[in-house]
Amino acid sequence: MQQKIICHLIAGFLGSGKTHLIQQLVSYKPVNERWVILVNEVGQQDYPMEQLKAHHVAVKTVLGGCLCCTAGMPFRVALNDMIKQHRPDRIFIEPAGAGHLDNIKTLLQGQFYQPIIRIAATQCLLNNKHLNDPSFAEHENYLQLIEQADALLVYAGEAVIKAKEVSKRYTKPLTVLQGNRQDAHLLIDSY
């Protein structure tokens, strides 16, 4: 029997650093694993396609709205294509900044995907800009992302104190990222 594909949902508001984090994880990808990245938005940073090809990582972008709402069918088609074409060991899904994690998790745990996908703890990446700006920190969609995530992430630095407060308020585990191989160990090797 083939092992299930491990699926990592990396959420966060636009500009939180999701693309940067996934690129960092790719740089520590085990040579023997096949990875794919499914992106729901074109953010402030693009994926370096040539570098990803060198690491044997495929990327597909789904445009047209939230993965689980208006882009539901294009998301399923893209995911199915990625699974069929690349037979990945891991899938990284980078939903739109206001993506509804519960809806995506429900889809991935449904009767079609449940036999082939195992969802890792969903992560919400926090950053200093968002934590200190009330237009983000008090925004309903931002708070929903935090509530619906299984765990929170923040890079070491000035945002850690605020992130710890959010972690405590929402009773979510918080991982302080260092921007090195240890981050990959914490997020990838444990699954």
Protein backbone atom coordinates (compact mmCIF):
# COMPACT_ATOMS: atom_id res chain seq x y z
CA MET A 1 0.00 0.00 0.00
CA GLN A 2 1.32 3.44 -0.94
CA GLN A 3 1.85 6.00 1.81
CA LYS A 4 -0.45 8.99 1.93
CA ILE A 5 0.76 12.29 0.52
CA ILE A 6 1.58 14.72 3.32
CA CYS A 7 -0.16 18.06 2.79
CA HIS A 8 1.08 21.24 4.45
CA LEU A 9 -1.25 24.25 4.55
CA ILE A 10 0.79 27.42 5.11
CA ALA A 11 -1.61 30.32 5.72
CA GLY A 12 -1.18 33.98 6.56
CA PHE A 13 -2.36 37.33 5.34
CA LEU A 14 -0.95 38.74 2.10
CA GLY A 15 2.60 39.83 2.79
CA SER A 16 3.10 37.62 5.84
CA GLY A 17 5.98 35.72 4.21
CA LYS A 18 4.33 32.44 3.16
CA THR A 19 6.20 32.23 -0.15
CA HIS A 20 9.50 33.04 1.55
CA LEU A 21 8.90 30.32 4.16
CA ILE A 22 8.03 27.67 1.58
CA GLN A 23 11.11 28.61 -0.48
CA GLN A 24 13.21 28.25 2.67
CA LEU A 25 11.74 24.79 3.29
CA VAL A 26 12.45 23.79 -0.33
CA SER A 27 16.13 24.59 0.18
CA TYR A 28 16.22 21.79 2.79
CA LYS A 29 14.06 19.32 0.85
CA PRO A 30 15.23 15.73 1.13
CA VAL A 31 16.65 14.66 -2.24
CA ASN A 32 14.50 11.53 -2.36
CA GLU A 33 11.15 13.36 -1.96
CA ARG A 34 8.94 14.81 -4.68
CA TRP A 35 7.23 18.07 -3.72
CA VAL A 36 4.59 20.23 -5.32
CA ILE A 37 3.37 23.69 -4.38
CA LEU A 38 -0.15 24.88 -5.06
CA VAL A 39 -0.46 28.66 -4.76
CA ASN A 40 -3.73 30.58 -4.60
CA GLU A 41 -2.49 34.11 -5.05
CA VAL A 42 0.24 36.05 -6.68
CA GLY A 43 1.89 37.69 -3.71
CA GLN A 44 4.65 40.19 -3.22
CA GLN A 45 7.28 37.56 -3.94
CA ASP A 46 7.28 35.09 -6.84
CA TYR A 47 8.61 31.57 -6.73
CA PRO A 48 11.97 31.26 -8.54
CA MET A 49 10.91 28.66 -11.09
CA GLU A 50 14.42 27.69 -12.25
CA GLN A 51 15.60 27.14 -8.67
CA LEU A 52 12.53 25.04 -7.92
CA LYS A 53 13.07 22.94 -11.04
CA ALA A 54 16.63 22.31 -9.84
CA HIS A 55 15.17 20.98 -6.57
CA HIS A 56 12.57 18.92 -8.51
CA VAL A 57 9.66 20.94 -7.13
CA ALA A 58 6.62 21.75 -9.28
CA VAL A 59 4.50 24.88 -8.75
CA LYS A 60 0.99 25.63 -9.96
CA THR A 61 -0.97 28.82 -9.34
CA VAL A 62 -4.76 28.82 -9.07
CA LEU A 63 -6.19 32.25 -9.80
CA GLY A 64 -9.75 33.48 -9.61
CA GLY A 65 -10.55 33.68 -5.94
CA CYS A 66 -10.28 31.76 -2.72
CA LEU A 67 -9.33 28.08 -3.16
CA CYS A 68 -12.35 26.83 -1.29
CA CYS A 69 -14.94 29.30 -2.56
CA THR A 70 -14.99 30.78 -6.03
CA ALA A 71 -11.97 28.75 -7.17
CA GLY A 72 -13.16 25.45 -5.68
CA MET A 73 -13.34 23.56 -8.96
CA PRO A 74 -10.11 25.02 -10.44
CA PHE A 75 -8.39 24.12 -7.15
CA ARG A 76 -9.55 20.52 -7.32
CA VAL A 77 -8.56 20.24 -10.98
CA ALA A 78 -5.09 21.72 -10.26
CA LEU A 79 -4.59 19.48 -7.23
CA ASN A 80 -5.68 16.38 -9.13
CA ASP A 81 -3.36 17.27 -12.03
CA MET A 82 -0.42 17.83 -9.67
CA ILE A 83 -1.02 14.50 -7.92
CA LYS A 84 -1.43 12.56 -11.16
CA GLN A 85 1.43 14.22 -13.02
CA HIS A 86 4.05 14.45 -10.24
CA ARG A 87 3.04 11.75 -7.72
CA PRO A 88 4.34 13.91 -4.87
CA ASP A 89 5.41 12.86 -1.39
CA ARG A 90 4.42 16.31 -0.11
CA ILE A 91 2.06 19.04 -1.18
CA PHE A 92 2.42 22.59 0.07
CA ILE A 93 -0.70 24.68 -0.28
CA GLU A 94 -0.37 28.43 0.03
CA PRO A 95 -3.96 29.74 0.25
CA ALA A 96 -4.96 33.34 -0.37
CA GLY A 97 -4.38 35.71 2.52
CA ALA A 98 -8.03 35.54 3.50
CA GLY A 99 -8.38 31.84 2.71
CA HIS A 100 -10.80 29.78 4.74
CA LEU A 101 -8.64 27.02 6.23
CA ASP A 102 -11.58 25.03 7.59
CA ASN A 103 -13.15 24.78 4.14
CA ILE A 104 -9.87 23.68 2.56
CA LYS A 105 -9.30 21.11 5.32
CA THR A 106 -12.87 19.81 4.90
CA LEU A 107 -12.30 19.38 1.17
CA LEU A 108 -8.98 17.58 1.73
CA GLN A 109 -10.52 15.32 4.38
CA GLY A 110 -13.49 14.46 2.15
CA GLN A 111 -14.15 11.04 0.68
CA PHE A 112 -12.07 11.65 -2.46
CA TYR A 113 -8.85 12.97 -0.87
CA GLN A 114 -8.95 11.30 2.55
CA PRO A 115 -7.60 7.97 1.24
CA ILE A 116 -4.58 9.63 -0.42
CA ILE A 117 -3.79 12.80 1.59
CA ARG A 118 -2.78 13.25 5.21
CA ILE A 119 -2.98 16.85 6.38
CA ALA A 120 -0.13 18.04 8.57
CA ALA A 121 -0.88 20.62 11.27
CA THR A 122 -2.07 23.75 9.47
CA GLN A 123 0.19 26.73 10.09
CA CYS A 124 -0.60 30.44 10.16
CA LEU A 125 2.39 32.71 9.66
CA LEU A 126 2.27 35.94 11.65
CA ASN A 127 4.49 38.96 11.13
CA ASN A 128 5.32 42.24 12.83
CA LYS A 129 3.52 44.46 10.32
CA HIS A 130 0.20 42.65 10.70
CA LEU A 131 0.40 42.16 14.45
CA ASN A 132 1.01 45.88 15.04
CA ASP A 133 -1.49 47.26 12.54
CA PRO A 134 -5.08 47.28 13.87
CA SER A 135 -6.47 47.19 10.33
CA PHE A 136 -4.96 43.69 10.11
CA ALA A 137 -4.80 42.58 13.75
CA GLU A 138 -8.50 43.28 14.27
CA HIS A 139 -9.69 42.22 10.81
CA GLU A 140 -12.27 39.42 10.88
CA ASN A 141 -10.51 37.35 8.19
CA TYR A 142 -7.15 37.70 9.92
CA LEU A 143 -8.62 36.50 13.20
CA GLN A 144 -10.36 33.62 11.39
CA LEU A 145 -7.04 32.43 9.96
CA ILE A 146 -5.55 32.37 13.44
CA GLU A 147 -8.60 30.62 14.88
CA GLN A 148 -8.73 27.98 12.14
CA ALA A 149 -5.00 27.19 12.11
CA ASP A 150 -3.66 24.35 14.21
CA ALA A 151 -0.49 26.26 15.06
CA LEU A 152 1.13 29.66 14.61
CA LEU A 153 4.52 30.62 13.19
CA VAL A 154 6.56 33.80 13.53
CA TYR A 155 10.14 34.62 12.58
CA ALA A 156 12.45 35.53 15.44
CA GLY A 157 12.53 39.27 16.02
CA GLU A 158 10.33 42.06 17.22
CA ALA A 159 7.03 40.27 16.46
CA VAL A 160 7.65 37.42 18.91
CA ILE A 161 6.20 39.17 21.97
CA LYS A 162 2.93 40.03 20.18
CA ALA A 163 2.80 36.57 18.59
CA LYS A 164 3.11 34.99 22.05
CA GLU A 165 0.14 37.07 23.20
CA VAL A 166 -1.91 35.89 20.21
CA SER A 167 -0.81 32.32 20.80
CA LYS A 168 -1.92 32.49 24.41
CA ARG A 169 -5.24 34.20 23.59
CA TYR A 170 -6.13 31.55 20.97
CA THR A 171 -4.44 28.66 22.82
CA LYS A 172 -2.41 27.79 19.73
CA PRO A 173 1.13 26.46 19.83
CA LEU A 174 3.66 28.99 18.52
CA THR A 175 6.88 28.14 16.71
CA VAL A 176 9.51 30.85 16.52
CA LEU A 177 11.33 30.39 13.22
CA GLN A 178 15.04 31.04 12.95
CA GLY A 179 15.35 31.09 9.16
CA ASN A 180 17.56 28.00 9.06
CA ARG A 181 17.55 24.20 8.76
CA GLN A 182 15.98 23.87 12.22
CA ASP A 183 12.76 25.37 10.82
CA ALA A 184 12.60 22.62 8.19
CA HIS A 185 13.14 20.03 10.90
CA LEU A 186 10.29 21.44 13.00
CA LEU A 187 7.81 21.72 10.13
CA ILE A 188 8.74 18.87 7.80
CA ASP A 189 10.63 16.15 9.61
CA SER A 190 7.94 15.76 12.24
CA TYR A 191 5.53 14.51 9.52
